Amino acid sequence: MSTTGLNNQGQVFTVPAPEILPASSYVCLVEPRRSTSGRAVIGSKMSATSSERALVLVPAHNEEESLAFVLRQIRQSLPDADILVVDDGSKDQTASIALSAGAVVARHATNLGVGAALQTGYRYALSHGYSHLVQVDADGQHRPEDARKVLTALKSSGADMAIGCRFLPESGPYPMPLLRRIGKDYQRFLIRLLTGRLFADPTSGLRAMRPCVLALLEQDVFPCDYPDADVLVMLCKARTTMVEVPVAMRERAAGTSQHEGLGWIYYAYRMTLSLLLIASGRGFDPIPAERKREQSRVGTGGQVIHQDASAPSREIQAIAS
């Protein structure tokens, strides 16, 4: 259990929270509570475990310019969900802003990469018994109504994961630079080559998932830097069911993308190696996902909470097996 408090300058101090400690990193956990005046203070517990409880995961690195806006919108769109911001070694006020907004904050002592930040969130969700997780970018690209939309699609379709897709006919126009579009199509080709499945938007970061997916992604083989197409290949090999949901995304509100400049060259190289490694079957075990999938099918009193995956709602385009 982590210990938290305020120093004499009013700044947050923390000690490690080993229960959500990813491999090879140092994580601090800060949990806000509300005083009688409504101001966020330190030291509260999360709400009691429920069979239907959602966590919104927001990985963030130096996102002080956009984070407050993003968290306000998430709170309005999903008022009953808890919010976890994973501060991946930010040098700015990202953690303080998240805490002031009432979010739980997990902090990496140094920048480990977006994959490591996501995995910290996945492990937190598993250890705290959440039934659903929605991951949302901190840069303002994802609309809050679409976060609610992918969560609704996950519940109504019975799938293991729902992905917000920018490139379905119902999604509307989304401008993308030529090099990034080539990279997206390259990943689509590799995924189809390795799994036989075709994804319209393999790099979308707007996703909702169940514990069976979290159990697979918490393994050490999960990529710490660019969890995109390689994650989808992992999930395909574990026979998870996935649906793509048409959404409209915005331009980044602030900050810079990790793919700008020559970063896309390393990204393509790293992604190709990761895909080949995962396709070879090394380093990950699909069995934990199977166990979690069976557990997630039974709610309180033995009721089935998964719906029939063969009957998704009309607004969802299912990915062919």
Protein backbone atom coordinates (compact mmCIF):
# COMPACT_ATOMS: atom_id res chain seq x y z
CA MET A 1 0.00 0.00 0.00
CA SER A 2 1.40 3.39 -0.95
CA THR A 3 1.73 6.26 1.49
CA THR A 4 0.84 9.76 0.32
CA GLY A 5 0.76 13.26 1.80
CA LEU A 6 1.58 16.92 1.31
CA ASN A 7 4.85 18.62 2.14
CA ASN A 8 5.09 22.10 3.64
CA GLN A 9 4.95 23.69 0.18
CA GLY A 10 1.64 21.96 -0.53
CA GLN A 11 3.24 19.57 -3.02
CA VAL A 12 2.35 15.89 -3.23
CA PHE A 13 4.88 13.36 -2.01
CA THR A 14 4.56 9.60 -2.44
CA VAL A 15 6.31 6.31 -1.79
CA PRO A 16 6.22 3.29 -4.14
CA ALA A 17 3.04 1.30 -4.63
CA PRO A 18 4.41 -2.17 -5.40
CA GLU A 19 0.99 -3.66 -6.10
CA ILE A 20 0.98 -1.91 -9.51
CA LEU A 21 4.71 -2.00 -10.14
CA PRO A 22 5.50 -2.89 -13.77
CA ALA A 23 8.67 -4.78 -14.51
CA SER A 24 11.81 -2.62 -14.33
CA SER A 25 10.11 0.60 -13.24
CA TYR A 26 9.37 2.63 -10.15
CA VAL A 27 5.78 3.69 -9.66
CA CYS A 28 4.18 6.04 -7.16
CA LEU A 29 0.43 6.13 -6.60
CA VAL A 30 -1.62 9.13 -5.52
CA GLU A 31 -5.35 8.78 -4.80
CA PRO A 32 -7.50 11.90 -4.28
CA ARG A 33 -10.51 12.25 -2.05
CA ARG A 34 -12.93 15.11 -1.56
CA SER A 35 -13.09 17.28 1.53
CA THR A 36 -16.37 18.71 2.78
CA SER A 37 -15.61 21.83 0.74
CA GLY A 38 -15.34 19.78 -2.44
CA ARG A 39 -11.59 20.32 -2.83
CA ALA A 40 -9.47 17.33 -3.81
CA VAL A 41 -7.22 16.11 -0.99
CA ILE A 42 -4.97 13.11 -0.46
CA GLY A 43 -5.46 9.65 0.92
CA SER A 44 -8.82 8.19 -0.10
CA LYS A 45 -9.62 4.60 -1.03
CA MET A 46 -11.22 3.66 -4.31
CA SER A 47 -14.90 2.73 -4.28
CA ALA A 48 -15.83 -0.84 -3.38
CA THR A 49 -15.39 -3.57 -5.98
CA SER A 50 -18.42 -4.02 -8.21
CA SER A 51 -19.25 -6.47 -10.97
CA GLU A 52 -19.99 -3.50 -13.28
CA ARG A 53 -17.34 -0.84 -12.77
CA ALA A 54 -15.33 1.03 -15.41
CA LEU A 55 -11.91 2.63 -15.29
CA VAL A 56 -10.80 5.29 -17.78
CA LEU A 57 -7.05 5.03 -18.32
CA VAL A 58 -5.22 8.14 -19.55
CA PRO A 59 -1.48 7.71 -20.22
CA ALA A 60 0.26 11.08 -20.20
CA HIS A 61 3.73 12.50 -20.76
CA ASN A 62 4.15 16.29 -20.52
CA GLU A 63 0.47 16.95 -21.33
CA GLU A 64 -0.19 19.88 -18.97
CA GLU A 65 -1.64 22.02 -21.76
CA SER A 66 -4.43 19.62 -22.71
CA LEU A 67 -4.97 17.33 -19.73
CA ALA A 68 -7.36 19.44 -17.65
CA PHE A 69 -9.67 19.85 -20.67
CA VAL A 70 -9.54 16.12 -21.45
CA LEU A 71 -10.34 15.09 -17.86
CA ARG A 72 -13.26 17.50 -17.60
CA GLN A 73 -14.76 16.06 -20.76
CA ILE A 74 -14.25 12.48 -19.61
CA ARG A 75 -15.95 13.27 -16.31
CA GLN A 76 -18.94 14.75 -18.14
CA SER A 77 -19.24 11.85 -20.56
CA LEU A 78 -18.59 8.99 -18.10
CA PRO A 79 -19.56 10.38 -14.69
CA ASP A 80 -19.73 6.97 -13.01
CA ALA A 81 -16.27 5.81 -14.14
CA ASP A 82 -13.06 6.15 -12.14
CA ILE A 83 -10.14 7.87 -13.87
CA LEU A 84 -6.50 6.80 -13.65
CA VAL A 85 -3.82 9.05 -15.14
CA VAL A 86 -0.44 7.37 -15.58
CA ASP A 87 2.19 10.11 -15.59
CA ASP A 88 5.06 8.62 -17.55
CA GLY A 89 7.93 10.62 -16.08
CA SER A 90 6.59 14.07 -17.02
CA LYS A 91 8.75 17.14 -16.32
CA ASP A 92 5.77 19.50 -16.21
CA GLN A 93 2.64 19.77 -14.03
CA THR A 94 0.82 16.79 -15.56
CA ALA A 95 0.49 14.91 -12.25
CA SER A 96 -0.67 17.93 -10.27
CA ILE A 97 -3.30 18.81 -12.86
CA ALA A 98 -4.62 15.25 -12.88
CA LEU A 99 -4.80 15.14 -9.11
CA SER A 100 -6.61 18.49 -8.95
CA ALA A 101 -9.17 17.08 -11.41
CA GLY A 102 -9.93 14.22 -9.02
CA ALA A 103 -8.11 11.46 -10.89
CA VAL A 104 -5.97 8.76 -9.33
CA VAL A 105 -2.37 9.33 -10.45
CA ALA A 106 0.29 6.66 -10.96
CA ARG A 107 3.71 8.17 -11.60
CA HIS A 108 6.72 6.63 -13.29
CA ALA A 109 10.00 7.98 -11.93
CA THR A 110 11.29 8.25 -15.50
CA ASN A 111 9.87 8.16 -19.01
CA LEU A 112 9.38 4.48 -19.94
CA GLY A 113 7.18 4.82 -23.01
CA VAL A 114 3.46 4.78 -23.71
CA GLY A 115 3.33 0.98 -23.61
CA ALA A 116 4.74 0.88 -20.09
CA ALA A 117 2.24 3.56 -19.03
CA LEU A 118 -0.63 1.54 -20.46
CA GLN A 119 0.58 -1.62 -18.76
CA THR A 120 0.70 0.13 -15.39
CA GLY A 121 -2.95 1.03 -15.95
CA TYR A 122 -3.87 -2.51 -17.01
CA ARG A 123 -2.31 -3.96 -13.88
CA TYR A 124 -4.04 -1.39 -11.71
CA ALA A 125 -7.42 -2.25 -13.26
CA LEU A 126 -6.89 -5.97 -12.72
CA SER A 127 -5.76 -5.59 -9.12
CA HIS A 128 -8.73 -3.33 -8.31
CA GLY A 129 -11.38 -5.55 -9.88
CA TYR A 130 -12.69 -3.36 -12.70
CA SER A 131 -15.06 -5.02 -15.15
CA HIS A 132 -14.21 -2.66 -18.05
CA LEU A 133 -11.35 -0.37 -19.01
CA VAL A 134 -11.39 2.46 -21.55
CA GLN A 135 -8.08 3.97 -22.66
CA VAL A 136 -8.12 7.58 -23.87
CA ASP A 137 -5.24 9.73 -25.12
CA ALA A 138 -4.28 12.79 -23.07
CA ASP A 139 -3.70 15.03 -26.09
CA GLY A 140 -7.37 15.81 -26.81
CA GLN A 141 -7.69 13.75 -30.00
CA HIS A 142 -10.37 11.45 -28.60
CA ARG A 143 -13.83 12.90 -28.10
CA PRO A 144 -15.45 11.99 -24.76
CA GLU A 145 -18.69 10.93 -26.43
CA ASP A 146 -16.68 8.42 -28.43
CA ALA A 147 -15.11 7.04 -25.26
CA ARG A 148 -18.63 6.37 -24.05
CA LYS A 149 -19.50 4.95 -27.47
CA VAL A 150 -16.73 2.32 -27.47
CA LEU A 151 -17.60 1.31 -23.90
CA THR A 152 -21.25 0.91 -24.88
CA ALA A 153 -20.23 -1.12 -27.94
CA LEU A 154 -18.08 -3.38 -25.79
CA LYS A 155 -20.97 -4.13 -23.47
CA SER A 156 -23.65 -4.52 -26.16
CA SER A 157 -21.62 -6.65 -28.59
CA GLY A 158 -20.21 -9.14 -26.10
CA ALA A 159 -16.75 -8.69 -27.62
CA ASP A 160 -13.55 -8.75 -25.59
CA MET A 161 -12.35 -5.41 -26.98
CA ALA A 162 -13.85 -2.48 -28.90
CA ILE A 163 -11.65 -0.16 -30.96
CA GLY A 164 -12.56 3.38 -32.00
CA CYS A 165 -11.93 3.53 -35.73
CA ARG A 166 -11.24 6.67 -37.80
CA PHE A 167 -11.47 5.00 -41.21
CA LEU A 168 -14.88 3.35 -41.45
CA PRO A 169 -17.42 4.91 -43.86
CA GLU A 170 -19.44 6.25 -40.92
CA SER A 171 -16.40 7.87 -39.30
CA GLY A 172 -16.19 10.91 -41.53
CA PRO A 173 -13.00 12.50 -42.93
CA TYR A 174 -9.78 12.31 -40.95
CA PRO A 175 -6.72 14.04 -42.47
CA MET A 176 -3.51 12.07 -42.07
CA PRO A 177 -0.05 12.94 -43.41
CA LEU A 178 1.18 10.74 -46.25
CA LEU A 179 3.96 9.01 -44.29
CA ARG A 180 1.64 8.15 -41.42
CA ARG A 181 -0.96 6.83 -43.84
CA ILE A 182 1.67 4.63 -45.48
CA GLY A 183 2.69 3.37 -42.04
CA LYS A 184 -0.92 2.59 -41.16
CA ASP A 185 -1.44 0.64 -44.38
CA TYR A 186 1.85 -1.22 -43.81
CA GLN A 187 0.65 -2.34 -40.40
CA ARG A 188 -2.71 -3.42 -41.82
CA PHE A 189 -0.85 -5.53 -44.38
CA LEU A 190 1.39 -7.17 -41.77
CA ILE A 191 -1.50 -7.97 -39.45
CA ARG A 192 -3.47 -9.55 -42.26
CA LEU A 193 -0.41 -11.50 -43.39
CA LEU A 194 0.22 -12.86 -39.88
CA THR A 195 -3.33 -13.41 -38.68
CA GLY A 196 -5.71 -13.32 -41.62
CA ARG A 197 -7.65 -10.47 -40.00
CA LEU A 198 -8.16 -7.02 -41.50
CA PHE A 199 -8.27 -3.98 -39.23
CA ALA A 200 -9.33 -0.60 -40.58
CA ASP A 201 -7.46 1.40 -37.91
CA PRO A 202 -4.61 -0.60 -36.29
CA THR A 203 -3.02 2.44 -34.63
CA SER A 204 -6.09 3.77 -32.83
CA GLY A 205 -5.47 4.41 -29.14
CA LEU A 206 -9.16 4.65 -28.25
CA ARG A 207 -10.03 1.20 -26.96
CA ALA A 208 -12.33 -0.44 -24.41
CA MET A 209 -11.58 -3.90 -23.05
CA ARG A 210 -12.51 -6.57 -20.55
CA PRO A 211 -10.30 -8.25 -17.92
CA CYS A 212 -9.56 -11.17 -20.27
CA VAL A 213 -7.67 -8.73 -22.52
CA LEU A 214 -5.95 -7.04 -19.58
CA ALA A 215 -4.69 -10.43 -18.38
CA LEU A 216 -2.95 -10.96 -21.70
CA LEU A 217 -1.53 -7.45 -22.00
CA GLU A 218 -0.02 -7.35 -18.52
CA GLN A 219 2.60 -9.93 -19.55
CA ASP A 220 6.22 -8.87 -19.96
CA VAL A 221 6.15 -9.31 -23.74
CA PHE A 222 3.83 -6.28 -23.99
CA PRO A 223 5.77 -3.58 -25.92
CA CYS A 224 6.87 -0.67 -23.74
CA ASP A 225 7.19 1.88 -26.56
CA TYR A 226 4.70 1.45 -29.45
CA PRO A 227 1.79 -0.90 -28.60
CA ASP A 228 -0.11 -0.86 -31.89
CA ALA A 229 -0.22 -3.61 -34.51
CA ASP A 230 1.83 -6.02 -32.38
CA VAL A 231 -0.79 -5.88 -29.64
CA LEU A 232 -3.53 -6.73 -32.14
CA VAL A 233 -1.51 -9.73 -33.32
CA MET A 234 -1.16 -10.87 -29.69
CA LEU A 235 -4.90 -10.63 -29.23
CA CYS A 236 -5.61 -12.47 -32.47
CA LYS A 237 -3.34 -15.32 -31.42
CA ALA A 238 -5.21 -15.50 -28.10
CA ARG A 239 -8.50 -15.74 -30.07
CA THR A 240 -10.05 -12.63 -28.56
CA THR A 241 -13.11 -11.14 -30.19
CA MET A 242 -12.77 -7.54 -31.33
CA VAL A 243 -15.04 -4.98 -32.97
CA GLU A 244 -14.28 -1.66 -34.62
CA VAL A 245 -16.58 1.26 -33.86
CA PRO A 246 -16.80 4.34 -36.13
CA VAL A 247 -15.61 7.47 -34.32
CA ALA A 248 -14.49 10.96 -35.30
CA MET A 249 -11.15 12.10 -33.90
CA ARG A 250 -9.73 15.60 -33.59
CA GLU A 251 -6.30 17.04 -34.17
CA ARG A 252 -3.92 16.96 -31.20
CA ALA A 253 -4.85 19.87 -28.91
CA ALA A 254 -1.27 20.50 -27.70
CA GLY A 255 2.18 18.96 -27.51
CA THR A 256 4.02 16.95 -30.15
CA SER A 257 3.51 13.46 -31.53
CA GLN A 258 6.12 10.76 -30.95
CA HIS A 259 5.99 10.03 -34.70
CA GLU A 260 7.06 13.49 -35.85
CA GLY A 261 10.34 14.09 -37.63
CA LEU A 262 12.35 10.93 -38.25
CA GLY A 263 10.68 9.07 -35.38
CA TRP A 264 8.51 7.18 -37.85
CA ILE A 265 11.60 5.36 -39.21
CA TYR A 266 12.43 3.84 -35.84
CA TYR A 267 8.73 3.21 -35.28
CA ALA A 268 8.44 1.14 -38.49
CA TYR A 269 11.63 -0.78 -37.70
CA ARG A 270 10.61 -1.46 -34.10
CA MET A 271 7.09 -2.49 -35.07
CA THR A 272 8.30 -4.96 -37.69
CA LEU A 273 10.63 -6.67 -35.19
CA SER A 274 7.92 -6.81 -32.54
CA LEU A 275 5.41 -8.30 -34.96
CA LEU A 276 7.82 -11.02 -36.02
CA LEU A 277 8.64 -11.88 -32.41
CA ILE A 278 5.01 -12.13 -31.35
CA ALA A 279 4.01 -14.02 -34.50
CA SER A 280 6.65 -16.63 -33.62
CA GLY A 281 4.73 -17.35 -30.41
CA ARG A 282 7.59 -16.45 -28.10
CA GLY A 283 7.25 -14.61 -24.84
CA PHE A 284 3.52 -14.60 -24.15
CA ASP A 285 0.94 -17.07 -22.92
CA PRO A 286 -2.68 -16.84 -24.14
CA ILE A 287 -3.98 -19.02 -21.30
CA PRO A 288 -4.43 -16.20 -18.74
CA ALA A 289 -6.75 -14.48 -21.18
CA GLU A 290 -8.84 -17.66 -21.47
CA ARG A 291 -9.17 -17.90 -17.68
CA LYS A 292 -10.14 -14.24 -17.35
CA ARG A 293 -12.63 -14.58 -20.19
CA GLU A 294 -14.44 -17.38 -18.41
CA GLN A 295 -14.43 -15.42 -15.13
CA SER A 296 -15.84 -12.32 -16.84
CA ARG A 297 -18.79 -14.26 -18.20
CA VAL A 298 -20.21 -14.86 -14.74
CA GLY A 299 -21.41 -11.92 -12.67
CA THR A 300 -23.10 -11.72 -9.29
CA GLY A 301 -25.35 -14.70 -8.69
CA GLY A 302 -23.90 -16.55 -11.67
CA GLN A 303 -25.62 -14.34 -14.25
CA VAL A 304 -24.06 -14.09 -17.67
CA ILE A 305 -22.84 -10.54 -18.28
CA HIS A 306 -21.25 -11.22 -21.68
CA GLN A 307 -23.72 -10.87 -24.50
CA ASP A 308 -23.86 -13.04 -27.59
CA ALA A 309 -20.85 -12.01 -29.71
CA SER A 310 -22.67 -13.18 -32.83
CA ALA A 311 -25.18 -10.33 -32.54
CA PRO A 312 -23.34 -7.00 -32.36
CA SER A 313 -25.30 -3.75 -32.58
CA ARG A 314 -25.77 -2.26 -36.03
CA GLU A 315 -23.41 0.65 -35.43
CA ILE A 316 -20.46 -1.70 -34.91
CA GLN A 317 -18.47 -3.24 -37.72
CA ALA A 318 -17.18 -6.61 -36.50
CA ILE A 319 -13.74 -7.74 -37.54
CA ALA A 320 -13.90 -10.97 -39.47
CA SER A 321 -12.30 -13.92 -37.74
